[in-house]
């Protein structure tokens, strides 16, 4: 069956045409990304200079609390702040747990990529318990999508 398909000239032409279309689309994508306009820095030259200095104090990306140089977790919010937390096997578990906890209870940026990422990661990490986690994730999305009702007597 495979030998017959390989010798069929129509399939050979179809494969060449698909390869050519994919090559052209790949080149167009590369050109589109290369020619995309660059956005300006969100800060001025003075802030850029301060950030590049060695004595600049680290802050937590979650709560902006100043951090020590040797800190692994923020003492204020518990967020992972160490420079290599996601590369250390033991500490990586805590970073991953923080991501899943935010999906179930915290604020999550909604979008198709985030949704698919949480869906796939839940099945990979939790296997047969994935439905339990996804139930909490969907409840969190529902809670965030529900419009806030105005309270009586409050303008």
Foldseek 3Di string as FASTA:
>chain_A
DVVVLVPDVVNVVVVVVVVVVVVVVVVVVVVCVVPDDDDDDPDDPVVVVLVPDPPRFDADPPPRHTDDQPDQADPPPRAGDHPCQCVDVVSVVVNVVVVLCCLLANDDDDDDVSVVVLLVVLCVPVPVCSVVSVVSNVVNVVVVPDDDDDDPPDD
